[in-house]
C-alpha atoms as a PDB file:
ATOM      1  CA  UNK A   1      12.825  -2.246  -4.227  1.00  0.00           C
ATOM      2  CA  UNK A   2      14.049  -5.675  -3.261  1.00  0.00           C
ATOM      3  CA  UNK A   3      11.679  -8.356  -1.981  1.00  0.00           C
ATOM      4  CA  UNK A   4      13.562  -8.463   1.312  1.00  0.00           C
ATOM      5  CA  UNK A   5      13.243  -4.701   1.847  1.00  0.00           C
ATOM      6  CA  UNK A   6       9.544  -4.735   0.903  1.00  0.00           C
ATOM      7  CA  UNK A   7       8.921  -7.567   3.368  1.00  0.00           C
ATOM      8  CA  UNK A   8      10.752  -5.592   6.051  1.00  0.00           C
ATOM      9  CA  UNK A   9       8.596  -2.512   5.393  1.00  0.00           C
ATOM     10  CA  UNK A  10       5.403  -4.596   5.527  1.00  0.00           C
ATOM     11  CA  UNK A  11       6.525  -6.157   8.820  1.00  0.00           C
ATOM     12  CA  UNK A  12       7.196  -2.686  10.284  1.00  0.00           C
ATOM     13  CA  UNK A  13       3.747  -1.481   9.186  1.00  0.00           C
ATOM     14  CA  UNK A  14       2.106  -4.562  10.730  1.00  0.00           C
ATOM     15  CA  UNK A  15       3.939  -3.964  14.008  1.00  0.00           C
ATOM     16  CA  UNK A  16       2.974  -0.275  14.123  1.00  0.00           C
ATOM     17  CA  UNK A  17      -0.647  -0.893  13.135  1.00  0.00           C
ATOM     18  CA  UNK A  18      -0.883  -3.940  15.419  1.00  0.00           C
ATOM     19  CA  UNK A  19      -2.550  -6.040  12.745  1.00  0.00           C
ATOM     20  CA  UNK A  20      -1.595  -8.422   9.967  1.00  0.00           C
ATOM     21  CA  UNK A  21      -1.683  -6.904   6.482  1.00  0.00           C
ATOM     22  CA  UNK A  22      -0.358  -9.862   4.494  1.00  0.00           C
ATOM     23  CA  UNK A  23      -0.705 -13.624   4.891  1.00  0.00           C
ATOM     24  CA  UNK A  24       2.479 -15.319   3.727  1.00  0.00           C
ATOM     25  CA  UNK A  25       2.703 -18.913   2.567  1.00  0.00           C
ATOM     26  CA  UNK A  26       6.180 -20.382   2.364  1.00  0.00           C
ATOM     27  CA  UNK A  27       7.144 -21.781  -0.973  1.00  0.00           C
ATOM     28  CA  UNK A  28       8.164 -25.178  -2.066  1.00  0.00           C
ATOM     29  CA  UNK A  29       8.719 -26.382  -5.563  1.00  0.00           C
ATOM     30  CA  UNK A  30       6.016 -24.047  -6.892  1.00  0.00           C
ATOM     31  CA  UNK A  31       7.163 -21.052  -4.808  1.00  0.00           C
ATOM     32  CA  UNK A  32       5.408 -19.176  -2.053  1.00  0.00           C
ATOM     33  CA  UNK A  33       2.425 -16.913  -2.208  1.00  0.00           C
ATOM     34  CA  UNK A  34       1.172 -13.885  -0.315  1.00  0.00           C
ATOM     35  CA  UNK A  35      -2.277 -12.390  -0.015  1.00  0.00           C
ATOM     36  CA  UNK A  36      -3.721  -9.322   1.627  1.00  0.00           C
ATOM     37  CA  UNK A  37      -5.794  -9.711   4.768  1.00  0.00           C
ATOM     38  CA  UNK A  38      -9.069  -7.822   5.140  1.00  0.00           C
ATOM     39  CA  UNK A  39      -7.111  -5.140   7.023  1.00  0.00           C
ATOM     40  CA  UNK A  40      -4.521  -5.023   4.239  1.00  0.00           C
ATOM     41  CA  UNK A  41      -7.232  -4.599   1.613  1.00  0.00           C
ATOM     42  CA  UNK A  42      -8.899  -1.830   3.637  1.00  0.00           C
ATOM     43  CA  UNK A  43      -5.571  -0.026   4.040  1.00  0.00           C
ATOM     44  CA  UNK A  44      -4.884  -0.317   0.313  1.00  0.00           C
ATOM     45  CA  UNK A  45      -8.332   1.100  -0.538  1.00  0.00           C
ATOM     46  CA  UNK A  46      -7.750   4.037   1.837  1.00  0.00           C
ATOM     47  CA  UNK A  47      -4.314   4.648   0.339  1.00  0.00           C
ATOM     48  CA  UNK A  48      -5.715   4.668  -3.197  1.00  0.00           C
ATOM     49  CA  UNK A  49      -8.415   7.156  -2.153  1.00  0.00           C
ATOM     50  CA  UNK A  50      -5.851   9.475  -0.550  1.00  0.00           C
ATOM     51  CA  UNK A  51      -3.653   9.153  -3.649  1.00  0.00           C
ATOM     52  CA  UNK A  52      -6.594  10.042  -5.923  1.00  0.00           C
ATOM     53  CA  UNK A  53      -7.649  12.951  -3.689  1.00  0.00           C
ATOM     54  CA  UNK A  54      -4.096  14.303  -3.690  1.00  0.00           C
ATOM     55  CA  UNK A  55      -3.865  13.972  -7.468  1.00  0.00           C
ATOM     56  CA  UNK A  56      -7.133  15.911  -7.858  1.00  0.00           C
ATOM     57  CA  UNK A  57      -5.983  18.561  -5.389  1.00  0.00           C
ATOM     58  CA  UNK A  58      -2.695  19.043  -7.236  1.00  0.00           C
ATOM     59  CA  UNK A  59      -4.503  19.275 -10.564  1.00  0.00           C
ATOM     60  CA  UNK A  60      -6.899  21.922  -9.229  1.00  0.00           C
ATOM     61  CA  UNK A  61      -4.056  23.823  -7.571  1.00  0.00           C
ATOM     62  CA  UNK A  62      -2.090  23.795 -10.802  1.00  0.00           C
ATOM     63  CA  UNK A  63      -5.101  25.089 -12.722  1.00  0.00           C
ATOM     64  CA  UNK A  64      -5.584  27.917 -10.222  1.00  0.00           C
ATOM     65  CA  UNK A  65      -1.890  28.739 -10.137  1.00  0.00           C
ATOM     66  CA  UNK A  66      -1.595  28.808 -13.935  1.00  0.00           C
ATOM     67  CA  UNK A  67      -4.959  30.479 -14.502  1.00  0.00           C
ATOM     68  CA  UNK A  68      -6.414  27.595 -16.531  1.00  0.00           C
END
């Protein structure tokens, strides 16, 4: 995924959620930086939990389906 596309997707998410997820600092000689806001960190933690829960669900479903 290109940087430009990723930035576009983040901007769309911020607009839909009505909150800032990333603080962007324009670069200079050393280049720019970005950091997650508190809302961005909370969203990331929720995403990781959902991802883990889904992984566990799929593992259990596979075990039941295959009789393991």
